[in-house]
Amino acid sequence: KKNKNTRIKKMEEEMMIERDEEEEPKRRTRSPPPQTQTEEGAQKIPVLVGGEEDLENTNNTNTTATKNEEEDEIKDELEIGRNEAGFLIGERGATKRKVQKVSQTKIEIADSEINPETSIVTIRGTETNRAKARRYVAWVLRQPEGKIFCDLGDDVVRENVSVVDVPAEAMAFVVGAKGKTLRSVEEEYGTLMFFGHTEKDQPDSSEKLIICGDRENRRGAELKVMSSVETKVQGYFVDYEKNDPELKQPLMQPGDGLKDGFAYDQFPFTEEEFSYALGKFGRVRRKLAKASGCVMEYVGRVAIMSGNKEQRARCWDYTNWLMKQRRNNGTCSVDPNARNDCEICDVPGSIDLPRLQGNCHKVEEATGTFIFTTDFEKPVAEGQDKTLLICSHDSASRRKARRMVEDLIDGRRDVFQDNNRGGPRGRGGGGGNRGRGGQQQQQRGMRNDGGGAAEACRNFQMGRCTRGNQCKYSHDMSMAPMQMGGGSGANRGGRGYDDNHPRNNNNMNNNGGGRGGGSQIINRLSRGGNSGGGGNGNRGRPY
């Protein structure tokens, strides 16, 4: 009896321990009690606008933060007017996507179930990102009023805001017709841009361009705007009195000077070099920036390269090589063995090099690479083998560009049509031989040639015709047996793939389409012809 009581007591203690272990995670995830209850499980938070607590518009803009214990997800809800919701969404949702990307949150806008004249904006994300999103939404909704105040000392957005001084004579040029130029810069660099005030007593005529986003994207948008201003008002940012043009004032925005490798370099051009480095519609500049992975913009005749140390060094080398090509008839001496961002492609001497280089410009644009001829190991001479260098910070882009150049050397014409397909399609099988059998009957409208249409009712011969006397085809089975030519071949062969492609299924022949159809049997007296064979598909090279 004593042992039995001891066992029962021990079991009860074990059950208590297990129950405590099950309840401990619930106690840890339970949210603290809200201070002010507006709804069941909702906490009231004042709306922050322009760096101050806007408690006057609480009737129009309500913010609630709710926490789901099961999903552990926190969200903010803003109540705005229906017209404001349409402005926040923007054309095809463009404005809402910009705010989401800049704040790194997820925003949903829906009609209010309580008040039909309002909409609810739901913001999901971390606490810091939600605070940024609330601030950005407030700024966007104040744009129709034309007066936006940005407090640069605000801890919420201080590290994510840059300010650019735009002169009045260049403001229309920077904004563009109906704001298209400014919107294009936003889309290119993923930022949120608008004109506003950084001081409360600042006059309306001295607005600043405010750029919101992360450090790299803000710097790219800043340089893009500075380039437009320098184009309209020459000498506003660049000092041309020195032998080598350079910026008048150093760039200093939030995120600069942290000594983490992020900085900028200046590469001055002469007047003759600038047009060559810019290219038609700025294609050469974009090519160098994309290949190096560095933010690169031309402010006047100065190239500003922004990024980490490796990105800036790569961009500087590519730009320097471009200038050497201009002086050496398109060639440059570079040792590919000393670099890790180059692919080598050998060009036979029988290939027309100028024509190949013209197509290489399309390859550069399609793959984001920088391609040029090098004379490091052997001089570039007519009729001799040559060496192309394909440069990029992305190894996948380099390999893709090399395969495209090799296809151009092999004479393929569909290199730029579909960069993701395999080899050419196999040809479909041909038609079968015409059937043999009955005599040819010459009647009005009857034809016995291969592939012709017969007047005899096919459905009646198969016992499926239900039209009876109203059928426009003949039901006379005493007619001479009709015969038709072989049917058309099968569909064209499938795409070719290389031996390692998973769709190849180890089929080394990689044949094309199936066999063609044989002749169609009209009745028992006619015998079908042979089927045509299917064509073989060439093995392709995947991209």
Protein backbone atom coordinates (compact mmCIF):
# COMPACT_ATOMS: atom_id res chain seq x y z
CA LYS A 1 0.00 0.00 0.00
CA LYS A 2 2.87 2.38 0.82
CA ASN A 3 4.56 1.63 -2.51
CA LYS A 4 1.28 2.25 -4.35
CA ASN A 5 0.85 5.70 -2.78
CA THR A 6 4.44 6.57 -3.66
CA ARG A 7 3.88 5.63 -7.31
CA ILE A 8 0.66 7.70 -7.48
CA LYS A 9 2.39 10.72 -5.96
CA LYS A 10 5.27 10.41 -8.41
CA MET A 11 2.85 10.20 -11.36
CA GLU A 12 1.05 13.34 -10.21
CA GLU A 13 4.36 15.22 -9.98
CA GLU A 14 5.30 14.16 -13.51
CA MET A 15 1.92 15.30 -14.82
CA MET A 16 2.39 18.70 -13.17
CA ILE A 17 5.81 19.11 -14.78
CA GLU A 18 4.46 18.22 -18.24
CA ARG A 19 1.57 20.69 -17.87
CA ASP A 20 3.98 23.47 -16.87
CA GLU A 21 6.18 22.73 -19.86
CA GLU A 22 3.18 22.97 -22.22
CA GLU A 23 1.99 26.29 -20.76
CA GLU A 24 5.44 27.94 -20.68
CA PRO A 25 5.60 28.80 -24.47
CA LYS A 26 2.10 30.32 -24.26
CA ARG A 27 3.17 32.58 -21.43
CA ARG A 28 6.23 33.69 -23.38
CA THR A 29 4.26 34.56 -26.58
CA ARG A 30 1.38 36.27 -24.77
CA SER A 31 1.30 40.02 -25.61
CA PRO A 32 1.19 42.59 -22.79
CA PRO A 33 -2.22 44.10 -22.01
CA PRO A 34 -3.02 47.17 -24.16
CA GLN A 35 -3.11 50.54 -22.51
CA THR A 36 -6.11 51.89 -24.36
CA GLN A 37 -8.66 49.55 -25.88
CA THR A 38 -10.43 50.72 -29.06
CA GLU A 39 -11.57 47.30 -30.21
CA GLU A 40 -11.23 43.79 -28.94
CA GLY A 41 -7.48 43.03 -29.09
CA ALA A 42 -6.54 46.41 -30.66
CA GLN A 43 -4.23 49.11 -29.32
CA LYS A 44 -4.57 52.80 -30.14
CA ILE A 45 -1.44 54.47 -31.58
CA PRO A 46 -1.24 58.17 -32.54
CA VAL A 47 -0.52 58.89 -36.20
CA LEU A 48 2.89 60.49 -36.89
CA VAL A 49 2.94 63.01 -39.73
CA GLY A 50 6.01 65.02 -40.69
CA GLY A 51 7.91 64.05 -37.57
CA GLU A 52 5.21 65.26 -35.09
CA GLU A 53 2.24 63.58 -33.48
CA ASP A 54 -0.82 64.65 -35.42
CA LEU A 55 -3.56 64.25 -32.88
CA GLU A 56 -5.92 66.73 -34.52
CA ASN A 57 -7.01 64.44 -37.36
CA THR A 58 -7.82 61.40 -35.27
CA ASN A 59 -11.40 61.41 -36.58
CA ASN A 60 -10.22 60.94 -40.18
CA THR A 61 -7.09 58.85 -39.60
CA ASN A 62 -7.18 56.05 -37.06
CA THR A 63 -4.24 53.77 -36.45
CA THR A 64 -4.56 50.44 -34.66
CA ALA A 65 -1.97 47.77 -34.02
CA THR A 66 -3.21 44.20 -33.53
CA LYS A 67 -1.22 41.07 -32.71
CA ASN A 68 -2.27 37.55 -33.64
CA GLU A 69 -0.97 35.14 -31.01
CA GLU A 70 -1.08 32.14 -33.34
CA GLU A 71 0.81 33.72 -36.28
CA ASP A 72 2.78 36.19 -34.14
CA GLU A 73 2.13 38.87 -36.80
CA ILE A 74 1.83 42.58 -36.03
CA LYS A 75 -0.01 44.99 -38.31
CA ASP A 76 -1.05 48.64 -38.34
CA GLU A 77 -4.34 49.93 -39.69
CA LEU A 78 -4.92 53.46 -40.99
CA GLU A 79 -8.35 54.85 -41.80
CA ILE A 80 -8.31 57.27 -44.74
CA GLY A 81 -10.84 58.70 -47.18
CA ARG A 82 -11.87 57.00 -50.38
CA ASN A 83 -10.23 59.70 -52.54
CA GLU A 84 -7.03 59.45 -50.52
CA ALA A 85 -7.05 55.67 -51.00
CA GLY A 86 -7.19 56.10 -54.76
CA PHE A 87 -4.27 58.54 -54.67
CA LEU A 88 -2.27 56.17 -52.44
CA ILE A 89 -2.86 53.26 -54.83
CA GLY A 90 -1.80 55.32 -57.84
CA GLU A 91 -1.99 54.37 -61.49
CA ARG A 92 -2.21 50.57 -61.64
CA GLY A 93 -0.96 50.37 -58.06
CA ALA A 94 2.37 52.09 -58.80
CA THR A 95 2.37 54.41 -55.75
CA LYS A 96 1.49 51.62 -53.34
CA ARG A 97 4.27 49.41 -54.75
CA LYS A 98 6.79 52.23 -54.30
CA VAL A 99 5.85 52.71 -50.64
CA GLN A 100 6.02 48.95 -50.07
CA LYS A 101 9.47 48.66 -51.66
CA VAL A 102 10.93 51.66 -49.85
CA SER A 103 9.57 50.68 -46.44
CA GLN A 104 9.98 46.89 -46.98
CA THR A 105 6.44 46.23 -45.80
CA LYS A 106 3.27 44.73 -47.21
CA ILE A 107 0.38 47.16 -47.66
CA GLU A 108 -3.25 46.27 -48.33
CA ILE A 109 -6.05 48.78 -48.99
CA ALA A 110 -9.70 47.79 -48.62
CA ASP A 111 -13.04 49.56 -48.15
CA SER A 112 -14.22 50.06 -44.60
CA GLU A 113 -17.10 47.88 -43.51
CA ILE A 114 -18.30 50.45 -40.96
CA ASN A 115 -18.02 53.72 -42.86
CA PRO A 116 -18.59 53.47 -46.65
CA GLU A 117 -16.78 56.78 -47.20
CA THR A 118 -13.46 55.57 -45.80
CA SER A 119 -10.89 52.90 -46.57
CA ILE A 120 -8.60 50.86 -44.32
CA VAL A 121 -4.86 50.70 -45.02
CA THR A 122 -3.25 47.62 -43.44
CA ILE A 123 0.54 47.67 -43.01
CA ARG A 124 2.43 44.47 -42.13
CA GLY A 125 6.10 44.23 -41.26
CA THR A 126 8.56 44.85 -38.48
CA GLU A 127 8.01 47.68 -36.03
CA THR A 128 10.68 49.89 -37.61
CA ASN A 129 9.47 49.29 -41.15
CA ARG A 130 5.85 49.90 -40.18
CA ALA A 131 6.83 53.23 -38.64
CA LYS A 132 8.57 54.17 -41.92
CA ALA A 133 5.55 53.09 -43.95
CA ARG A 134 3.21 55.22 -41.82
CA ARG A 135 5.45 58.23 -42.38
CA TYR A 136 5.71 57.63 -46.13
CA VAL A 137 1.94 57.18 -46.44
CA ALA A 138 1.37 60.47 -44.61
CA TRP A 139 3.79 62.25 -46.95
CA VAL A 140 2.19 60.77 -50.04
CA LEU A 141 -1.30 61.82 -48.93
CA ARG A 142 -0.07 65.39 -48.40
CA GLN A 143 1.27 65.72 -51.94
CA PRO A 144 -2.06 67.02 -53.37
CA GLU A 145 -1.89 69.86 -50.84
CA GLY A 146 1.57 70.78 -52.12
CA LYS A 147 3.16 71.33 -48.68
CA ILE A 148 5.21 68.49 -47.19
CA PHE A 149 7.48 68.95 -44.21
CA CYS A 150 10.32 66.44 -43.73
CA ASP A 151 12.03 66.54 -40.36
CA LEU A 152 15.61 65.40 -40.99
CA GLY A 153 16.13 64.92 -37.25
CA ASP A 154 13.39 62.31 -37.03
CA ASP A 155 14.87 58.99 -35.88
CA VAL A 156 12.31 56.98 -37.89
CA VAL A 157 13.38 58.06 -41.38
CA ARG A 158 16.59 59.99 -40.76
CA GLU A 159 18.82 57.21 -42.16
CA ASN A 160 16.63 56.66 -45.21
CA VAL A 161 16.18 60.18 -46.59
CA SER A 162 18.44 62.21 -48.91
CA VAL A 163 17.91 65.83 -49.92
CA VAL A 164 19.00 67.35 -53.26
CA ASP A 165 18.99 71.07 -53.98
CA VAL A 166 17.33 71.67 -57.37
CA PRO A 167 17.44 75.22 -58.80
CA ALA A 168 14.20 76.78 -59.95
CA GLU A 169 15.31 76.99 -63.60
CA ALA A 170 15.90 73.21 -63.71
CA MET A 171 12.90 72.04 -61.67
CA ALA A 172 10.58 71.57 -64.65
CA PHE A 173 13.30 69.68 -66.51
CA VAL A 174 13.85 67.33 -63.55
CA VAL A 175 10.15 66.66 -63.05
CA GLY A 176 9.30 66.25 -66.74
CA ALA A 177 5.92 66.36 -68.45
CA LYS A 178 3.29 65.28 -65.91
CA GLY A 179 6.08 64.02 -63.66
CA LYS A 180 7.19 61.28 -66.06
CA THR A 181 10.91 61.98 -65.70
CA LEU A 182 10.79 61.84 -61.91
CA ARG A 183 8.65 58.69 -62.01
CA SER A 184 11.14 57.01 -64.35
CA VAL A 185 13.97 57.67 -61.87
CA GLU A 186 11.83 56.18 -59.10
CA GLU A 187 11.21 53.04 -61.13
CA GLU A 188 14.87 52.68 -62.14
CA TYR A 189 16.25 52.87 -58.60
CA GLY A 190 13.23 51.84 -56.49
CA THR A 191 12.88 55.06 -54.51
CA LEU A 192 10.14 57.47 -53.41
CA MET A 193 10.76 61.08 -54.52
CA PHE A 194 8.87 64.33 -53.99
CA PHE A 195 9.49 68.02 -53.35
CA GLY A 196 9.08 69.30 -49.80
CA HIS A 197 10.47 71.47 -46.99
CA THR A 198 13.15 70.52 -44.51
CA GLU A 199 12.52 73.57 -42.31
CA LYS A 200 9.21 74.83 -40.98
CA ASP A 201 9.83 78.50 -41.85
CA GLN A 202 11.19 77.67 -45.30
CA PRO A 203 9.52 79.68 -48.13
CA ASP A 204 7.47 77.83 -50.71
CA SER A 205 9.81 78.81 -53.56
CA SER A 206 12.80 76.98 -52.02
CA GLU A 207 11.57 73.40 -51.95
CA LYS A 208 14.07 70.53 -51.82
CA LEU A 209 13.90 67.22 -53.61
CA ILE A 210 13.46 64.50 -50.99
CA ILE A 211 14.55 60.95 -51.88
CA CYS A 212 13.46 58.01 -49.70
CA GLY A 213 14.95 54.52 -49.89
CA ASP A 214 18.02 52.51 -48.96
CA ARG A 215 21.53 53.91 -49.30
CA GLU A 216 22.55 52.51 -52.70
CA ASN A 217 19.26 53.34 -54.42
CA ARG A 218 19.17 56.84 -52.94
CA ARG A 219 22.67 57.52 -54.22
CA GLY A 220 21.74 56.36 -57.73
CA ALA A 221 18.62 58.55 -57.81
CA GLU A 222 20.59 61.46 -56.37
CA LEU A 223 23.24 61.21 -59.09
CA LYS A 224 20.55 60.88 -61.76
CA VAL A 225 18.91 64.12 -60.63
CA MET A 226 22.29 65.87 -60.39
CA SER A 227 23.02 64.80 -63.97
CA SER A 228 19.75 66.34 -65.17
CA VAL A 229 20.42 69.58 -63.28
CA GLU A 230 23.97 69.81 -64.67
CA THR A 231 22.61 69.28 -68.19
CA LYS A 232 20.19 72.19 -67.76
CA VAL A 233 22.41 74.48 -65.66
CA GLN A 234 26.05 73.76 -66.54
CA GLY A 235 28.46 74.33 -63.70
CA TYR A 236 25.90 73.98 -60.90
CA PHE A 237 27.51 70.87 -59.38
CA VAL A 238 30.78 70.50 -61.37
CA ASP A 239 33.80 72.78 -61.37
CA TYR A 240 35.16 72.98 -64.94
CA GLU A 241 37.88 75.53 -64.18
CA LYS A 242 40.30 72.84 -63.02
CA ASN A 243 42.31 70.70 -65.41
CA ASP A 244 40.25 67.65 -64.44
CA PRO A 245 36.60 68.52 -63.75
CA GLU A 246 35.29 67.44 -60.35
CA LEU A 247 32.37 68.07 -58.02
CA LYS A 248 32.30 71.41 -56.25
CA GLN A 249 31.05 69.91 -53.00
CA PRO A 250 31.59 66.34 -51.74
CA LEU A 251 28.54 64.10 -51.55
CA MET A 252 27.37 63.71 -47.97
CA GLN A 253 24.06 62.03 -47.29
CA PRO A 254 22.85 59.71 -44.50
CA GLY A 255 24.88 56.51 -44.78
CA ASP A 256 28.07 58.18 -46.04
CA GLY A 257 31.22 58.18 -43.95
CA LEU A 258 30.42 54.98 -42.04
CA LYS A 259 33.78 53.43 -43.08
CA ASP A 260 32.10 50.22 -44.23
CA GLY A 261 33.51 50.40 -47.78
CA PHE A 262 30.62 52.34 -49.34
CA ALA A 263 31.94 55.47 -51.07
CA TYR A 264 32.22 57.08 -54.51
CA ASP A 265 34.96 57.80 -57.06
CA GLN A 266 35.20 60.46 -59.78
CA PHE A 267 36.43 59.72 -63.32
CA PRO A 268 36.82 62.91 -65.41
CA PHE A 269 36.42 62.91 -69.20
CA THR A 270 37.61 65.24 -71.89
CA GLU A 271 35.10 66.65 -74.34
CA GLU A 272 36.12 64.08 -76.98
CA GLU A 273 35.98 61.16 -74.55
CA PHE A 274 32.61 62.06 -73.06
CA SER A 275 30.48 61.33 -76.13
CA TYR A 276 32.31 58.03 -76.67
CA ALA A 277 31.81 57.01 -73.02
CA LEU A 278 28.13 57.98 -73.09
CA GLY A 279 27.07 56.16 -76.26
CA LYS A 280 23.81 56.43 -78.13
CA PHE A 281 20.97 57.09 -75.66
CA GLY A 282 23.43 56.37 -72.83
CA ARG A 283 23.85 52.69 -73.73
CA VAL A 284 27.60 52.57 -73.06
CA ARG A 285 27.17 54.04 -69.59
CA ARG A 286 24.42 51.58 -68.72
CA LYS A 287 26.56 48.74 -70.08
CA LEU A 288 29.51 49.63 -67.86
CA ALA A 289 27.31 50.11 -64.80
CA LYS A 290 25.47 46.81 -65.24
CA ALA A 291 28.60 44.80 -66.02
CA SER A 292 30.51 46.16 -63.01
CA GLY A 293 27.55 46.00 -60.61
CA CYS A 294 28.28 49.59 -59.57
CA VAL A 295 26.04 52.67 -59.50
CA MET A 296 27.40 54.90 -62.25
CA GLU A 297 26.05 58.23 -63.49
CA TYR A 298 27.58 61.07 -65.49
CA VAL A 299 27.30 64.48 -63.81
CA GLY A 300 28.50 66.78 -66.54
CA ARG A 301 31.79 65.37 -67.80
CA VAL A 302 32.50 63.51 -64.58
CA ALA A 303 31.59 59.85 -64.06
CA ILE A 304 30.53 59.19 -60.45
CA MET A 305 31.02 55.54 -59.43
CA SER A 306 29.31 54.61 -56.17
CA GLY A 307 29.45 51.29 -54.33
CA ASN A 308 31.79 49.17 -52.28
CA LYS A 309 35.52 49.03 -52.95
CA GLU A 310 35.35 46.00 -55.26
CA GLN A 311 32.51 47.41 -57.34
CA ARG A 312 34.22 50.78 -57.74
CA ALA A 313 37.55 49.20 -58.72
CA ARG A 314 35.84 47.04 -61.34
CA CYS A 315 33.90 49.99 -62.77
CA TRP A 316 37.08 52.09 -62.88
CA ASP A 317 38.92 49.35 -64.81
CA TYR A 318 36.10 48.90 -67.33
CA THR A 319 35.91 52.64 -67.96
CA ASN A 320 39.69 52.86 -68.34
CA TRP A 321 39.67 49.95 -70.81
CA LEU A 322 36.94 51.69 -72.79
CA MET A 323 39.12 54.79 -73.16
CA LYS A 324 42.06 52.61 -74.30
CA GLN A 325 39.83 51.00 -76.95
CA ARG A 326 39.05 54.44 -78.30
CA ARG A 327 42.75 55.16 -78.76
CA ASN A 328 43.71 51.66 -80.06
CA ASN A 329 41.02 51.01 -82.70
CA GLY A 330 38.76 48.94 -80.44
CA THR A 331 41.42 46.74 -78.83
CA CYS A 332 42.90 46.72 -75.34
CA SER A 333 45.70 44.70 -73.73
CA VAL A 334 44.29 42.91 -70.66
CA ASP A 335 45.64 39.79 -68.98
CA PRO A 336 42.61 37.55 -68.33
CA ASN A 337 44.61 35.25 -66.07
CA ALA A 338 45.03 38.03 -63.53
CA ARG A 339 41.27 38.59 -63.14
CA ASN A 340 38.29 36.60 -61.93
CA ASP A 341 35.60 38.50 -63.85
CA CYS A 342 36.54 37.55 -67.44
CA GLU A 343 35.63 34.79 -69.90
CA ILE A 344 37.77 34.03 -72.97
CA CYS A 345 36.24 33.35 -76.39
CA ASP A 346 38.48 32.47 -79.36
CA VAL A 347 37.48 33.84 -82.76
CA PRO A 348 38.78 32.14 -85.94
CA GLY A 349 40.58 34.33 -88.44
CA SER A 350 37.98 33.60 -91.12
CA ILE A 351 35.26 35.42 -89.18
CA ASP A 352 34.38 38.98 -90.16
CA LEU A 353 35.41 40.78 -86.94
CA PRO A 354 33.58 44.11 -87.50
CA ARG A 355 30.33 42.28 -88.16
CA LEU A 356 30.85 40.08 -85.09
CA GLN A 357 31.57 43.11 -82.93
CA GLY A 358 28.35 44.73 -84.13
CA ASN A 359 26.39 41.67 -82.97
CA CYS A 360 28.37 41.62 -79.71
CA HIS A 361 26.77 44.95 -78.81
CA LYS A 362 23.41 43.17 -78.82
CA VAL A 363 24.88 40.39 -76.68
CA GLU A 364 26.14 43.00 -74.20
CA GLU A 365 22.70 44.56 -73.93
CA ALA A 366 20.97 41.20 -73.54
CA THR A 367 23.34 39.80 -70.90
CA GLY A 368 24.70 42.89 -69.10
CA THR A 369 28.33 42.23 -70.01
CA PHE A 370 31.29 44.16 -71.44
CA ILE A 371 32.90 42.52 -74.52
CA PHE A 372 36.01 43.68 -76.36
CA THR A 373 39.03 42.35 -78.29
CA THR A 374 42.31 41.91 -76.45
CA ASP A 375 45.82 41.75 -77.92
CA PHE A 376 47.55 40.53 -74.77
CA GLU A 377 48.80 37.16 -76.08
CA LYS A 378 48.67 37.73 -79.85
CA PRO A 379 48.25 40.87 -81.94
CA VAL A 380 44.99 41.57 -83.71
CA ALA A 381 45.77 41.08 -87.41
CA GLU A 382 43.57 40.43 -90.40
CA GLY A 383 43.17 36.74 -91.16
CA GLN A 384 44.60 35.66 -87.78
CA ASP A 385 42.79 34.14 -84.82
CA LYS A 386 41.60 36.67 -82.25
CA THR A 387 40.57 36.64 -78.59
CA LEU A 388 37.44 38.21 -77.14
CA LEU A 389 37.15 39.04 -73.44
CA ILE A 390 33.70 38.89 -71.84
CA CYS A 391 33.67 40.80 -68.53
CA SER A 392 30.98 40.96 -65.84
CA HIS A 393 30.66 40.65 -62.08
CA ASP A 394 28.05 37.90 -62.61
CA SER A 395 29.49 34.54 -63.69
CA ALA A 396 26.14 33.34 -65.09
CA SER A 397 25.91 36.39 -67.36
CA ARG A 398 29.46 35.78 -68.60
CA ARG A 399 28.72 32.14 -69.48
CA LYS A 400 25.50 33.10 -71.23
CA ALA A 401 27.26 35.78 -73.28
CA ARG A 402 30.05 33.36 -74.24
CA ARG A 403 27.56 30.79 -75.53
CA MET A 404 25.76 33.45 -77.55
CA VAL A 405 29.03 34.65 -79.11
CA GLU A 406 29.97 31.06 -79.97
CA ASP A 407 26.60 30.64 -81.67
CA LEU A 408 27.23 33.80 -83.68
CA ILE A 409 30.61 32.39 -84.74
CA ASP A 410 28.91 29.12 -85.76
CA GLY A 411 26.49 31.07 -87.97
CA ARG A 412 23.25 30.66 -86.03
CA ARG A 413 20.64 33.24 -86.98
CA ASP A 414 18.21 32.80 -84.10
CA VAL A 415 20.57 33.81 -81.27
CA PHE A 416 18.55 36.90 -80.30
CA GLN A 417 15.09 35.44 -80.91
CA ASP A 418 14.76 33.21 -77.87
CA ASN A 419 17.73 32.99 -75.51
CA ASN A 420 16.16 30.20 -73.42
CA ARG A 421 15.34 27.58 -76.01
CA GLY A 422 17.38 24.59 -77.11
CA GLY A 423 18.39 23.45 -80.58
CA PRO A 424 16.36 23.70 -83.76
CA ARG A 425 13.17 21.70 -84.16
CA GLY A 426 13.12 18.46 -86.12
CA ARG A 427 11.00 18.33 -89.23
CA GLY A 428 7.72 16.44 -89.13
CA GLY A 429 7.11 13.23 -91.05
CA GLY A 430 5.95 13.34 -94.65
CA GLY A 431 2.61 12.12 -95.94
CA GLY A 432 2.00 8.45 -96.69
CA ASN A 433 1.76 6.84 -100.14
CA ARG A 434 -1.56 7.02 -101.91
CA GLY A 435 -3.79 3.98 -101.37
CA ARG A 436 -4.24 1.28 -103.96
CA GLY A 437 -7.39 -0.56 -104.79
CA GLY A 438 -10.53 0.39 -106.67
CA GLN A 439 -10.98 2.09 -109.99
CA GLN A 440 -11.14 5.84 -110.30
CA GLN A 441 -14.64 7.10 -110.84
CA GLN A 442 -15.08 10.37 -112.71
CA GLN A 443 -18.21 12.12 -111.50
CA ARG A 444 -19.17 15.71 -111.04
CA GLY A 445 -17.38 17.12 -108.03
CA MET A 446 -15.48 13.84 -107.30
CA ARG A 447 -11.71 13.90 -107.05
CA ASN A 448 -9.40 10.96 -106.47
CA ASP A 449 -6.06 12.79 -106.36
CA GLY A 450 -3.94 12.59 -103.24
CA GLY A 451 -5.29 14.61 -100.33
CA GLY A 452 -8.52 15.48 -102.26
CA ALA A 453 -12.00 15.65 -100.75
CA ALA A 454 -14.32 12.70 -101.60
CA GLU A 455 -18.06 13.10 -102.40
CA ALA A 456 -18.91 9.87 -100.62
CA CYS A 457 -20.28 10.36 -97.11
CA ARG A 458 -17.66 9.19 -94.67
CA ASN A 459 -20.04 9.08 -91.74
CA PHE A 460 -22.44 6.85 -93.70
CA GLN A 461 -19.66 4.40 -94.52
CA MET A 462 -18.88 4.23 -90.79
CA GLY A 463 -22.56 3.91 -89.87
CA ARG A 464 -22.68 7.30 -88.09
CA CYS A 465 -24.59 9.54 -90.57
CA THR A 466 -27.96 10.72 -89.20
CA ARG A 467 -28.91 13.22 -91.93
CA GLY A 468 -30.60 10.66 -94.18
CA ASN A 469 -31.88 12.02 -97.51
CA GLN A 470 -30.90 15.56 -96.48
CA CYS A 471 -27.19 14.67 -96.55
CA LYS A 472 -25.38 16.47 -99.38
CA TYR A 473 -22.91 13.59 -99.78
CA SER A 474 -23.59 10.35 -101.63
CA HIS A 475 -24.76 7.24 -99.74
CA ASP A 476 -24.45 4.96 -102.81
CA MET A 477 -22.11 2.11 -101.82
CA SER A 478 -22.16 0.62 -105.37
CA MET A 479 -19.89 3.43 -106.55
CA ALA A 480 -16.31 2.66 -107.45
CA PRO A 481 -14.22 2.62 -104.36
CA MET A 482 -12.79 6.02 -103.60
CA GLN A 483 -9.20 6.45 -102.55
CA MET A 484 -7.42 9.29 -100.89
CA GLY A 485 -3.79 10.29 -100.67
CA GLY A 486 -1.72 9.93 -97.55
CA GLY A 487 -2.47 12.22 -94.65
CA SER A 488 -0.24 15.06 -93.68
CA GLY A 489 2.81 14.46 -91.55
CA ALA A 490 2.82 14.72 -87.79
CA ASN A 491 3.60 17.93 -85.98
CA ARG A 492 7.09 19.35 -86.25
CA GLY A 493 9.77 17.76 -84.16
CA GLY A 494 10.38 18.83 -80.59
CA ARG A 495 13.13 21.18 -79.51
CA GLY A 496 16.62 19.81 -79.36
CA TYR A 497 18.53 19.76 -76.09
CA ASP A 498 22.06 18.92 -75.22
CA ASP A 499 23.07 15.59 -73.71
CA ASN A 500 22.97 16.90 -70.13
CA HIS A 501 19.55 18.52 -70.32
CA PRO A 502 16.94 16.82 -68.10
CA ARG A 503 14.39 16.82 -70.94
CA ASN A 504 16.70 14.85 -73.17
CA ASN A 505 16.17 11.68 -71.08
CA ASN A 506 19.48 10.27 -72.31
CA ASN A 507 18.14 10.11 -75.88
CA MET A 508 21.30 10.75 -77.88
CA ASN A 509 19.47 10.85 -81.24
CA ASN A 510 16.94 13.37 -79.96
CA ASN A 511 14.65 12.73 -82.91
CA GLY A 512 12.05 15.17 -84.10
CA GLY A 513 8.35 14.65 -84.78
CA GLY A 514 6.47 11.40 -85.19
CA ARG A 515 5.70 9.53 -88.37
CA GLY A 516 3.36 10.90 -90.98
CA GLY A 517 -0.15 9.57 -91.40
CA GLY A 518 -0.88 6.81 -93.94
CA SER A 519 -3.51 6.93 -96.65
CA GLN A 520 -7.08 6.94 -95.45
CA ILE A 521 -9.08 3.77 -96.11
CA ILE A 522 -12.47 4.52 -97.61
CA ASN A 523 -13.75 0.95 -97.82
CA ARG A 524 -12.57 -2.60 -97.55
CA LEU A 525 -11.34 -2.72 -101.17
CA SER A 526 -8.80 0.06 -100.73
CA ARG A 527 -5.49 -0.54 -99.02
CA GLY A 528 -3.65 2.15 -97.12
CA GLY A 529 -0.19 3.33 -98.13
CA ASN A 530 2.98 3.47 -96.11
CA SER A 531 3.51 6.09 -93.45
CA GLY A 532 6.13 8.78 -93.93
CA GLY A 533 9.10 8.78 -91.59
CA GLY A 534 9.67 11.50 -88.99
CA GLY A 535 12.54 13.96 -89.23
CA ASN A 536 15.45 14.07 -86.81
CA GLY A 537 16.00 17.08 -84.56
CA ASN A 538 19.49 18.42 -84.04
CA ARG A 539 20.90 18.40 -80.55
CA GLY A 540 20.78 21.91 -79.11
CA ARG A 541 22.96 23.90 -76.73
CA PRO A 542 21.07 25.25 -73.71
CA TYR A 543 21.58 28.80 -72.58
